[in-house]
C-alpha atoms as a PDB file:
ATOM      1  CA  MET A   1      58.139 142.158  39.779  1.00  0.00           C
ATOM      2  CA  ASN A   2      55.775 143.261  42.680  1.00  0.00           C
ATOM      3  CA  HIS A   3      54.091 140.629  44.773  1.00  0.00           C
ATOM      4  CA  GLU A   4      51.171 141.319  41.939  1.00  0.00           C
ATOM      5  CA  LYS A   5      53.160 139.522  39.600  1.00  0.00           C
ATOM      6  CA  ILE A   6      52.914 143.168  37.491  1.00  0.00           C
ATOM      7  CA  PRO A   7      56.623 144.467  36.055  1.00  0.00           C
ATOM      8  CA  ASP A   8      57.345 147.258  38.590  1.00  0.00           C
ATOM      9  CA  PRO A   9      60.027 149.382  35.927  1.00  0.00           C
ATOM     10  CA  THR A  10      61.007 152.587  39.607  1.00  0.00           C
ATOM     11  CA  ALA A  11      63.040 149.628  41.584  1.00  0.00           C
ATOM     12  CA  ASP A  12      65.211 148.801  38.573  1.00  0.00           C
ATOM     13  CA  GLN A  13      66.182 152.174  37.721  1.00  0.00           C
ATOM     14  CA  ALA A  14      66.734 152.789  41.155  1.00  0.00           C
ATOM     15  CA  ILE A  15      69.060 150.134  40.809  1.00  0.00           C
ATOM     16  CA  ALA A  16      70.602 151.349  37.791  1.00  0.00           C
ATOM     17  CA  LYS A  17      70.850 154.680  39.263  1.00  0.00           C
ATOM     18  CA  ALA A  18      72.801 153.483  42.143  1.00  0.00           C
ATOM     19  CA  ASP A  19      75.266 151.114  40.252  1.00  0.00           C
ATOM     20  CA  ARG A  20      76.136 154.024  37.544  1.00  0.00           C
ATOM     21  CA  GLN A  21      76.911 156.814  40.793  1.00  0.00           C
ATOM     22  CA  ARG A  22      79.320 153.828  42.277  1.00  0.00           C
ATOM     23  CA  ARG A  23      80.682 153.108  39.008  1.00  0.00           C
ATOM     24  CA  LEU A  24      81.604 157.201  38.168  1.00  0.00           C
ATOM     25  CA  GLU A  25      82.635 157.366  41.844  1.00  0.00           C
ATOM     26  CA  GLU A  26      85.483 154.901  41.379  1.00  0.00           C
ATOM     27  CA  LYS A  27      85.772 155.915  37.931  1.00  0.00           C
ATOM     28  CA  HIS A  28      87.000 158.903  39.317  1.00  0.00           C
ATOM     29  CA  GLY A  29      88.162 158.513  42.493  1.00  0.00           C
ATOM     30  CA  ILE A  30      85.453 161.381  43.491  1.00  0.00           C
ATOM     31  CA  ARG A  31      82.017 160.776  45.566  1.00  0.00           C
ATOM     32  CA  ILE A  32      79.327 163.087  46.201  1.00  0.00           C
ATOM     33  CA  GLY A  33      79.193 165.287  49.283  1.00  0.00           C
ATOM     34  CA  GLU A  34      83.106 165.284  49.057  1.00  0.00           C
ATOM     35  CA  THR A  35      84.569 168.309  49.992  1.00  0.00           C
ATOM     36  CA  ILE A  36      87.423 169.343  47.597  1.00  0.00           C
ATOM     37  CA  TYR A  37      89.909 172.647  46.744  1.00  0.00           C
ATOM     38  CA  ILE A  38      90.691 173.787  43.009  1.00  0.00           C
ATOM     39  CA  THR A  39      92.668 176.250  42.425  1.00  0.00           C
ATOM     40  CA  GLU A  40      91.234 179.380  40.688  1.00  0.00           C
ATOM     41  CA  THR A  41      93.736 181.571  38.262  1.00  0.00           C
ATOM     42  CA  THR A  42      92.453 184.969  36.869  1.00  0.00           C
ATOM     43  CA  MET A  43      93.989 187.934  35.058  1.00  0.00           C
ATOM     44  CA  GLU A  44      93.813 191.191  36.173  1.00  0.00           C
ATOM     45  CA  GLY A  45      94.318 194.411  34.244  1.00  0.00           C
ATOM     46  CA  GLU A  46      95.403 194.775  30.683  1.00  0.00           C
ATOM     47  CA  HIS A  47      98.665 193.549  31.539  1.00  0.00           C
ATOM     48  CA  GLY A  48      97.541 190.163  32.677  1.00  0.00           C
ATOM     49  CA  ARG A  49      98.060 190.105  36.461  1.00  0.00           C
ATOM     50  CA  LYS A  50      97.350 186.830  37.113  1.00  0.00           C
ATOM     51  CA  THR A  51      96.029 186.016  40.730  1.00  0.00           C
ATOM     52  CA  VAL A  52      95.631 182.509  42.271  1.00  0.00           C
ATOM     53  CA  ARG A  53      93.372 181.261  44.514  1.00  0.00           C
ATOM     54  CA  LYS A  54      92.534 177.988  46.450  1.00  0.00           C
ATOM     55  CA  ILE A  55      88.659 177.669  46.859  1.00  0.00           C
ATOM     56  CA  LYS A  56      87.144 174.926  49.094  1.00  0.00           C
ATOM     57  CA  VAL A  57      83.958 173.355  47.107  1.00  0.00           C
ATOM     58  CA  LYS A  58      81.998 170.845  47.914  1.00  0.00           C
ATOM     59  CA  VAL A  59      80.932 168.057  45.581  1.00  0.00           C
ATOM     60  CA  ALA A  60      77.161 168.264  44.123  1.00  0.00           C
ATOM     61  CA  GLY A  61      76.973 165.820  41.345  1.00  0.00           C
ATOM     62  CA  LEU A  62      79.013 163.358  39.071  1.00  0.00           C
ATOM     63  CA  TYR A  63      77.963 162.522  35.468  1.00  0.00           C
ATOM     64  CA  GLU A  64      79.249 161.303  32.734  1.00  0.00           C
ATOM     65  CA  HIS A  65      80.574 164.219  30.804  1.00  0.00           C
ATOM     66  CA  HIS A  66      80.974 166.406  33.966  1.00  0.00           C
ATOM     67  CA  ILE A  67      80.913 167.006  37.344  1.00  0.00           C
ATOM     68  CA  ARG A  68      78.760 169.976  39.440  1.00  0.00           C
ATOM     69  CA  LEU A  69      80.518 171.652  42.095  1.00  0.00           C
ATOM     70  CA  LEU A  70      79.104 173.847  44.670  1.00  0.00           C
ATOM     71  CA  PHE A  71      80.944 176.974  45.830  1.00  0.00           C
ATOM     72  CA  PRO A  72      80.394 178.421  49.473  1.00  0.00           C
ATOM     73  CA  SER A  73      78.560 181.511  48.264  1.00  0.00           C
ATOM     74  CA  GLY A  74      75.999 178.788  47.186  1.00  0.00           C
ATOM     75  CA  TYR A  75      76.737 178.761  43.406  1.00  0.00           C
ATOM     76  CA  CYS A  76      76.555 175.821  41.490  1.00  0.00           C
ATOM     77  CA  GLU A  77      78.812 175.514  38.388  1.00  0.00           C
ATOM     78  CA  CYS A  78      79.810 172.578  36.042  1.00  0.00           C
ATOM     79  CA  TYR A  79      83.055 171.531  34.599  1.00  0.00           C
ATOM     80  CA  THR A  80      84.254 168.944  32.226  1.00  0.00           C
ATOM     81  CA  TRP A  81      86.457 166.046  33.862  1.00  0.00           C
ATOM     82  CA  TRP A  82      89.378 167.869  31.577  1.00  0.00           C
ATOM     83  CA  ALA A  83      88.708 171.416  33.031  1.00  0.00           C
ATOM     84  CA  PHE A  84      88.019 170.061  36.795  1.00  0.00           C
ATOM     85  CA  ARG A  85      91.377 168.183  36.533  1.00  0.00           C
ATOM     86  CA  GLN A  86      93.361 171.227  35.290  1.00  0.00           C
ATOM     87  CA  MET A  87      91.772 172.995  38.144  1.00  0.00           C
ATOM     88  CA  ARG A  88      92.483 170.383  41.405  1.00  0.00           C
ATOM     89  CA  GLY A  89      95.939 170.016  40.124  1.00  0.00           C
END
């Protein structure tokens, strides 16, 4: 409610979003804006030569079913939590 006794859903929505964000950060142990390393494995050629490299990425967003990562080139990509844990090691 605001000072005129009219319901204000904006404040309630902002508080709920902040609580949801904090809960996700605690659940997965990662914060928005944190810089992390992920491992990328690629197969080259027809015989499947493996190339493994570590990439420094920034966490752009946390959601219920996926995580959004910002790569150094400015490209964002979403991964499921399962796929993210596999890449993080």
